[in-house]
Amino acid sequence: MSAPLAAAATRAGRLQLARQALREGLGTDAPFRPLLALLGRIPALTGPVRPPDRPAPDPVVVIGNPRTGSTLLQRLLVDLGVGAGPRLYQQLLPGGRAWPVVRPLLPLLRPLDPGRFHDPAVHETGLQHAETDEIALLAAEADGLFAFSFFWSFAADDWTALVDPSQRDTTARDLALLGAQHAAVSAAAEGARVVSRAFGLGPALPALLDAWPTARVLFVLRDPAACVPSGRSLVLSTLGRRLGPRFSPALQARVGDRIEAGLVQLAARSADAVAALSPAHRARVRLVAYPRLTGDLAGEMASILDFVEHRPSAAARSLLQQRAHAQRTRLSGHRYPAGDAAADPRLGPYRALLDAAAGAG
């Protein structure tokens, strides 16, 4: 594992690791060669993502493992007028320099939209949709959970250490990059608050709250027996849409097992980070239980809006009631096999947080 860790010290090294892992798993990197070539050129297209002159005001940060309801929450907060959500095209070209050029061309870029490989039974996505900060980390640094899930997990050996902060800690770099990205999104939205979403920042909560002193964090939790296998299934279905028969059952098992282990590790470390927060930091974090969010959307959102200090307009309150009615009758089309990772004893503290949030009045 020492060689991949050493290679991961540079952006070029991380891209080379992606090519190596794909060749080891698929025998070729051809299915992802255009994407890897684009990732190699993004810094030339965007220029460096510089520290902002003015940080994004009072950001709202939605954190949670994949398939916990974080997308639902982020997009609803944006729709209710709380702030601007970083859009997929902005995340793919971080920093803001290229956005005025790209924005008028978005209708012409639909054939290149990576969202077309996303399972629509989970949720819709596309260049104009609010999307996760992991995409900005992939685009700017060729790093993070998306680099692991879609490239490095194919390697013959297990490279989970590349996203294990105890072995490779990129927290300071990531928070600086995302702080600059959020500032650019805010500037493009005429100084609006930013409502961001990140899967991988849970373990970095204390550092995040120090780096972004006016941020409010919404930490979304869901039963690991649902979100872990569902998260695994989401990545595998996305890869399957791209790879077709090349994605053999044996390779699916290899990639899926590593993603599942990574999701368990992420949830466990995030729960540990919440437990380690100081009282001042803890006051800026609200736990959001998936059962309450989906079972009583209007009531839970009213409490969340109070927490982020946003007073909705009459139109926003009407929209919330409409969404709450739709949520009560919604049935997800995403089907996935059950797994046994949820029994992992490391998830005990995570389950305790979920139980506390689900029982909160």
Protein backbone atom coordinates (compact mmCIF):
# COMPACT_ATOMS: atom_id res chain seq x y z
CA MET A 1 0.00 0.00 0.00
CA SER A 2 2.99 2.32 0.40
CA ALA A 3 3.39 2.79 -3.37
CA PRO A 4 -0.21 3.98 -3.99
CA LEU A 5 -0.02 6.28 -0.96
CA ALA A 6 3.18 7.80 -2.31
CA ALA A 7 1.70 8.20 -5.79
CA ALA A 8 -1.40 9.88 -4.34
CA ALA A 9 0.71 12.80 -3.14
CA THR A 10 0.28 14.54 -6.52
CA ARG A 11 -2.66 15.15 -8.82
CA ALA A 12 -0.85 13.50 -11.73
CA GLY A 13 -0.10 10.52 -9.52
CA ARG A 14 -3.75 10.17 -8.54
CA LEU A 15 -4.84 10.15 -12.18
CA GLN A 16 -2.21 7.53 -12.94
CA LEU A 17 -3.54 5.44 -10.06
CA ALA A 18 -7.00 5.67 -11.65
CA ARG A 19 -5.67 4.35 -14.95
CA GLN A 20 -3.73 1.59 -13.21
CA ALA A 21 -6.72 0.46 -11.14
CA LEU A 22 -9.02 0.36 -14.16
CA ARG A 23 -6.51 -1.66 -16.16
CA GLU A 24 -6.14 -4.11 -13.28
CA GLY A 25 -9.91 -4.52 -12.95
CA LEU A 26 -11.13 -4.23 -16.54
CA GLY A 27 -8.00 -4.97 -18.52
CA THR A 28 -8.27 -1.48 -20.03
CA ASP A 29 -9.03 2.09 -19.02
CA ALA A 30 -10.81 2.75 -22.36
CA PRO A 31 -14.36 3.20 -20.95
CA PHE A 32 -13.13 6.05 -18.76
CA ARG A 33 -10.37 7.40 -20.98
CA PRO A 34 -12.35 10.48 -22.13
CA LEU A 35 -13.30 11.33 -18.53
CA LEU A 36 -9.72 10.88 -17.30
CA ALA A 37 -8.47 13.03 -20.16
CA LEU A 38 -10.98 15.73 -19.20
CA LEU A 39 -9.93 15.52 -15.55
CA GLY A 40 -6.36 15.99 -16.68
CA ARG A 41 -7.29 19.20 -18.51
CA ILE A 42 -9.64 20.77 -15.96
CA PRO A 43 -6.94 22.86 -14.19
CA ALA A 44 -6.03 24.45 -17.53
CA LEU A 45 -9.72 25.22 -18.19
CA THR A 46 -10.50 26.65 -14.76
CA GLY A 47 -7.21 28.03 -13.54
CA PRO A 48 -6.30 27.65 -9.88
CA VAL A 49 -9.13 27.76 -7.35
CA ARG A 50 -7.93 30.74 -5.31
CA PRO A 51 -8.82 31.68 -1.73
CA PRO A 52 -11.80 34.03 -1.79
CA ASP A 53 -11.67 37.73 -1.02
CA ARG A 54 -14.93 37.22 0.86
CA PRO A 55 -16.15 33.84 2.19
CA ALA A 56 -19.65 32.60 1.48
CA PRO A 57 -21.98 34.11 4.11
CA ASP A 58 -23.47 31.79 6.75
CA PRO A 59 -23.25 28.56 4.70
CA VAL A 60 -25.56 25.63 5.33
CA VAL A 61 -23.70 22.33 4.98
CA VAL A 62 -25.66 19.09 4.56
CA ILE A 63 -23.54 16.10 5.55
CA GLY A 64 -24.46 12.44 5.47
CA ASN A 65 -23.60 9.11 3.93
CA PRO A 66 -25.01 8.47 0.45
CA ARG A 67 -28.67 7.42 0.46
CA THR A 68 -29.51 9.09 3.77
CA GLY A 69 -31.78 11.80 2.33
CA SER A 70 -29.05 14.42 1.96
CA THR A 71 -29.97 15.15 -1.68
CA LEU A 72 -33.65 15.58 -0.78
CA LEU A 73 -32.72 17.96 2.02
CA GLN A 74 -30.22 20.06 0.07
CA ARG A 75 -32.49 20.53 -2.94
CA LEU A 76 -35.52 21.32 -0.80
CA LEU A 77 -33.57 23.97 1.13
CA VAL A 78 -32.53 25.52 -2.18
CA ASP A 79 -36.11 25.43 -3.50
CA LEU A 80 -37.38 27.06 -0.29
CA GLY A 81 -35.03 30.00 -0.82
CA VAL A 82 -32.47 29.30 1.89
CA GLY A 83 -29.56 29.67 -0.53
CA ALA A 84 -27.88 28.60 -3.74
CA GLY A 85 -26.82 25.01 -4.27
CA PRO A 86 -23.63 24.37 -6.27
CA ARG A 87 -24.77 23.00 -9.63
CA LEU A 88 -23.19 20.05 -11.36
CA TYR A 89 -21.57 22.16 -14.09
CA GLN A 90 -20.11 24.43 -11.40
CA GLN A 91 -18.73 21.45 -9.51
CA LEU A 92 -17.20 20.02 -12.69
CA LEU A 93 -15.44 23.36 -13.38
CA PRO A 94 -14.64 24.64 -9.88
CA GLY A 95 -13.59 28.18 -9.10
CA GLY A 96 -16.00 30.17 -11.26
CA ARG A 97 -13.75 31.38 -14.06
CA ALA A 98 -15.31 29.16 -16.74
CA TRP A 99 -18.95 29.46 -15.64
CA PRO A 100 -19.95 32.56 -17.69
CA VAL A 101 -18.64 30.86 -20.84
CA VAL A 102 -20.22 27.46 -20.14
CA ARG A 103 -23.62 28.58 -18.85
CA PRO A 104 -25.10 29.59 -22.25
CA LEU A 105 -23.84 26.34 -23.76
CA LEU A 106 -25.49 24.01 -21.26
CA PRO A 107 -28.37 22.95 -23.57
CA LEU A 108 -25.79 21.88 -26.17
CA LEU A 109 -23.80 19.88 -23.61
CA ARG A 110 -26.58 17.45 -22.66
CA PRO A 111 -25.03 14.58 -24.69
CA LEU A 112 -21.92 14.95 -22.50
CA ASP A 113 -23.83 15.19 -19.22
CA PRO A 114 -22.41 12.57 -16.80
CA GLY A 115 -25.77 12.55 -15.03
CA ARG A 116 -27.16 10.37 -17.83
CA PHE A 117 -25.46 7.38 -16.20
CA HIS A 118 -27.16 8.02 -12.85
CA ASP A 119 -30.05 5.74 -11.88
CA PRO A 120 -33.21 7.89 -12.28
CA ALA A 121 -35.03 5.65 -9.78
CA VAL A 122 -32.84 7.22 -7.08
CA HIS A 123 -33.17 10.88 -8.11
CA GLU A 124 -32.70 12.99 -11.19
CA THR A 125 -29.44 14.78 -11.76
CA GLY A 126 -27.89 16.80 -14.54
CA LEU A 127 -25.71 19.79 -15.28
CA GLN A 128 -28.24 22.24 -13.82
CA HIS A 129 -29.01 20.27 -10.64
CA ALA A 130 -27.49 21.00 -7.25
CA GLU A 131 -24.83 18.38 -6.63
CA THR A 132 -22.38 17.15 -4.04
CA ASP A 133 -19.03 18.74 -3.21
CA GLU A 134 -17.31 15.42 -3.92
CA ILE A 135 -17.57 16.30 -7.61
CA ALA A 136 -15.58 19.50 -7.08
CA LEU A 137 -12.90 17.52 -5.23
CA LEU A 138 -12.76 15.02 -8.09
CA ALA A 139 -12.57 17.77 -10.72
CA ALA A 140 -10.02 19.98 -8.95
CA GLU A 141 -7.86 17.35 -7.27
CA ALA A 142 -8.68 13.98 -8.92
CA ASP A 143 -9.29 12.80 -5.38
CA GLY A 144 -11.87 11.89 -2.78
CA LEU A 145 -14.71 9.43 -2.45
CA PHE A 146 -15.69 9.62 -6.12
CA ALA A 147 -12.13 8.87 -7.26
CA PHE A 148 -12.16 5.85 -4.95
CA SER A 149 -15.64 4.63 -5.90
CA PHE A 150 -15.37 4.99 -9.66
CA PHE A 151 -11.66 4.30 -10.24
CA TRP A 152 -9.44 3.15 -7.37
CA SER A 153 -11.85 0.46 -6.13
CA PHE A 154 -11.08 -1.55 -9.31
CA ALA A 155 -7.45 -2.18 -8.28
CA ALA A 156 -6.22 -5.71 -7.69
CA ASP A 157 -5.22 -4.73 -4.15
CA ASP A 158 -7.44 -2.89 -1.69
CA TRP A 159 -6.64 0.84 -1.81
CA THR A 160 -9.13 1.96 0.84
CA ALA A 161 -6.24 3.63 2.66
CA LEU A 162 -6.29 6.36 0.00
CA VAL A 163 -9.52 7.71 1.54
CA ASP A 164 -8.75 6.81 5.16
CA PRO A 165 -7.91 10.07 7.00
CA SER A 166 -5.86 8.13 9.55
CA GLN A 167 -3.46 7.20 6.75
CA ARG A 168 -3.90 10.10 4.32
CA ASP A 169 -5.46 13.27 5.68
CA THR A 170 -6.51 15.84 3.07
CA THR A 171 -8.86 17.79 5.37
CA ALA A 172 -7.05 21.14 5.26
CA ARG A 173 -6.72 21.08 1.48
CA ASP A 174 -10.33 20.01 0.96
CA LEU A 175 -11.81 22.65 3.27
CA ALA A 176 -9.74 25.39 1.61
CA LEU A 177 -10.84 24.27 -1.85
CA LEU A 178 -14.51 23.95 -0.93
CA GLY A 179 -14.50 27.26 0.94
CA ALA A 180 -13.27 28.92 -2.25
CA GLN A 181 -15.81 27.01 -4.33
CA HIS A 182 -18.69 28.06 -2.07
CA ALA A 183 -17.54 31.68 -2.24
CA ALA A 184 -17.57 31.51 -6.03
CA VAL A 185 -21.08 29.99 -6.03
CA SER A 186 -22.25 32.74 -3.67
CA ALA A 187 -20.74 35.45 -5.86
CA ALA A 188 -22.42 33.97 -8.95
CA ALA A 189 -25.73 34.04 -7.04
CA GLU A 190 -25.37 37.72 -6.11
CA GLY A 191 -24.08 37.06 -2.60
CA ALA A 192 -26.61 34.42 -1.57
CA ARG A 193 -26.00 31.88 1.14
CA VAL A 194 -24.74 28.55 -0.14
CA VAL A 195 -26.43 25.25 0.68
CA SER A 196 -23.78 22.61 0.02
CA ARG A 197 -23.81 18.85 0.37
CA ALA A 198 -20.92 16.53 1.11
CA PHE A 199 -20.64 12.84 1.90
CA GLY A 200 -17.05 12.80 3.09
CA LEU A 201 -16.82 15.76 5.47
CA GLY A 202 -18.42 14.02 8.46
CA PRO A 203 -15.10 12.87 9.96
CA ALA A 204 -13.78 16.43 9.52
CA LEU A 205 -16.60 18.14 11.43
CA PRO A 206 -14.43 19.79 14.12
CA ALA A 207 -12.05 21.17 11.50
CA LEU A 208 -14.95 22.25 9.28
CA LEU A 209 -16.61 24.21 12.08
CA ASP A 210 -13.31 25.92 12.85
CA ALA A 211 -12.59 26.73 9.19
CA TRP A 212 -16.13 27.98 8.46
CA PRO A 213 -17.07 29.79 11.69
CA THR A 214 -20.55 30.90 10.56
CA ALA A 215 -21.61 27.57 9.06
CA ARG A 216 -24.61 25.57 10.22
CA VAL A 217 -24.38 21.81 9.66
CA LEU A 218 -27.25 19.40 9.06
CA PHE A 219 -26.01 15.86 9.67
CA VAL A 220 -28.45 13.38 8.10
CA LEU A 221 -28.64 9.82 9.41
CA ARG A 222 -30.42 6.70 8.20
CA ASP A 223 -30.50 3.07 9.32
CA PRO A 224 -27.24 1.52 8.02
CA ALA A 225 -29.21 -1.59 7.06
CA ALA A 226 -30.78 0.60 4.35
CA CYS A 227 -28.26 3.30 3.45
CA VAL A 228 -25.14 1.08 3.23
CA PRO A 229 -26.50 -1.51 0.74
CA SER A 230 -28.41 1.21 -1.09
CA GLY A 231 -25.25 3.30 -1.44
CA ARG A 232 -23.37 0.28 -2.71
CA SER A 233 -26.14 -0.47 -5.20
CA LEU A 234 -26.23 3.12 -6.46
CA VAL A 235 -22.54 3.14 -7.37
CA LEU A 236 -22.69 -0.33 -8.94
CA SER A 237 -25.73 0.58 -11.04
CA THR A 238 -24.02 3.77 -12.25
CA LEU A 239 -20.91 1.82 -13.20
CA GLY A 240 -23.01 -0.89 -14.82
CA ARG A 241 -24.72 1.65 -17.06
CA ARG A 242 -21.32 2.79 -18.28
CA LEU A 243 -19.51 -0.54 -18.50
CA GLY A 244 -22.20 -2.99 -19.59
CA PRO A 245 -20.98 -6.61 -19.83
CA ARG A 246 -17.40 -5.58 -19.01
CA PHE A 247 -18.59 -5.19 -15.41
CA SER A 248 -18.47 -8.89 -14.55
CA PRO A 249 -20.13 -10.32 -11.43
CA ALA A 250 -16.69 -10.96 -9.88
CA LEU A 251 -15.61 -7.38 -10.50
CA GLN A 252 -18.92 -6.07 -9.18
CA ALA A 253 -18.32 -8.03 -5.98
CA ARG A 254 -14.79 -6.64 -5.61
CA VAL A 255 -15.83 -3.04 -6.19
CA GLY A 256 -19.03 -3.38 -4.17
CA ASP A 257 -17.33 -4.90 -1.13
CA ARG A 258 -14.77 -2.10 -1.04
CA ILE A 259 -17.41 0.59 -1.41
CA GLU A 260 -19.46 -1.03 1.35
CA ALA A 261 -16.45 -1.14 3.67
CA GLY A 262 -15.74 2.50 2.88
CA LEU A 263 -19.33 3.50 3.65
CA VAL A 264 -19.21 1.73 7.02
CA GLN A 265 -15.92 3.42 7.84
CA LEU A 266 -17.32 6.83 6.81
CA ALA A 267 -20.42 6.48 8.97
CA ALA A 268 -18.43 5.28 11.98
CA ARG A 269 -15.84 8.06 11.74
CA SER A 270 -18.56 10.68 11.25
CA ALA A 271 -20.33 9.55 14.41
CA ASP A 272 -17.04 9.66 16.32
CA ALA A 273 -16.50 13.21 15.08
CA VAL A 274 -19.91 14.31 16.36
CA ALA A 275 -19.16 12.78 19.76
CA ALA A 276 -15.88 14.71 19.93
CA LEU A 277 -17.42 18.14 19.25
CA SER A 278 -17.12 20.87 21.84
CA PRO A 279 -20.39 22.31 23.21
CA ALA A 280 -19.93 25.44 21.08
CA HIS A 281 -19.44 23.38 17.95
CA ARG A 282 -22.25 20.99 18.82
CA ALA A 283 -24.68 23.91 18.98
CA ARG A 284 -24.05 24.52 15.27
CA VAL A 285 -24.85 20.93 14.26
CA ARG A 286 -28.36 19.54 13.97
CA LEU A 287 -28.99 15.83 13.59
CA VAL A 288 -31.64 14.97 10.99
CA ALA A 289 -33.15 11.48 11.11
CA TYR A 290 -34.28 10.06 7.77
CA PRO A 291 -37.51 8.61 9.24
CA ARG A 292 -38.56 12.04 10.53
CA LEU A 293 -37.52 13.78 7.30
CA THR A 294 -39.56 11.45 5.11
CA GLY A 295 -42.38 10.74 7.57
CA ASP A 296 -43.10 14.32 8.65
CA LEU A 297 -41.42 16.48 6.03
CA ALA A 298 -43.33 19.66 6.84
CA GLY A 299 -42.77 19.45 10.60
CA GLU A 300 -39.11 18.48 10.33
CA MET A 301 -38.39 21.19 7.76
CA ALA A 302 -40.04 23.83 9.94
CA SER A 303 -37.59 22.93 12.71
CA ILE A 304 -34.65 22.85 10.29
CA LEU A 305 -35.54 26.27 8.89
CA ASP A 306 -35.56 27.65 12.43
CA PHE A 307 -32.14 26.11 13.04
CA VAL A 308 -30.61 27.71 9.94
CA GLU A 309 -32.40 30.98 10.80
CA HIS A 310 -34.40 31.26 7.62
CA ARG A 311 -37.93 32.64 7.49
CA PRO A 312 -39.72 31.17 4.45
CA SER A 313 -41.97 33.23 2.26
CA ALA A 314 -45.66 32.43 1.84
CA ALA A 315 -44.84 30.85 -1.54
CA ALA A 316 -42.13 28.72 0.08
CA ARG A 317 -44.51 27.54 2.82
CA SER A 318 -47.04 26.54 0.16
CA LEU A 319 -44.33 24.69 -1.77
CA LEU A 320 -43.30 22.85 1.39
CA GLN A 321 -46.85 21.64 1.96
CA GLN A 322 -47.00 20.38 -1.62
CA ARG A 323 -43.70 18.54 -1.25
CA ALA A 324 -44.79 17.07 2.08
CA HIS A 325 -47.96 15.68 0.50
CA ALA A 326 -45.95 14.20 -2.38
CA GLN A 327 -43.43 12.69 0.03
CA ARG A 328 -46.17 10.90 2.00
CA THR A 329 -47.24 9.03 -1.12
CA ARG A 330 -43.82 8.56 -2.74
CA LEU A 331 -42.44 5.06 -3.25
CA SER A 332 -38.79 4.82 -4.24
CA GLY A 333 -38.10 2.83 -7.38
CA HIS A 334 -34.58 1.98 -6.21
CA ARG A 335 -34.32 -1.72 -5.36
CA TYR A 336 -31.19 -3.27 -3.88
CA PRO A 337 -30.13 -6.49 -2.16
CA ALA A 338 -29.75 -6.45 1.60
CA GLY A 339 -26.27 -6.72 3.08
CA ASP A 340 -24.79 -7.60 6.44
CA ALA A 341 -22.44 -4.62 6.86
CA ALA A 342 -25.01 -2.90 9.08
CA ALA A 343 -24.20 -5.41 11.83
CA ASP A 344 -20.65 -4.04 12.06
CA PRO A 345 -20.04 -3.13 15.74
CA ARG A 346 -18.26 0.08 14.68
CA LEU A 347 -21.69 1.45 13.73
CA GLY A 348 -22.98 1.38 17.33
CA PRO A 349 -22.33 5.11 17.95
CA TYR A 350 -23.88 5.97 14.58
CA ARG A 351 -27.04 4.03 15.47
CA ALA A 352 -27.17 5.80 18.83
CA LEU A 353 -27.09 9.19 17.09
CA LEU A 354 -29.84 8.04 14.71
CA ASP A 355 -31.99 6.88 17.59
CA ALA A 356 -31.49 10.19 19.41
CA ALA A 357 -32.40 12.20 16.31
CA ALA A 358 -35.41 10.00 15.49
CA GLY A 359 -36.74 10.38 19.02
CA ALA A 360 -36.24 14.14 19.24
CA GLY A 361 -39.42 16.10 19.56
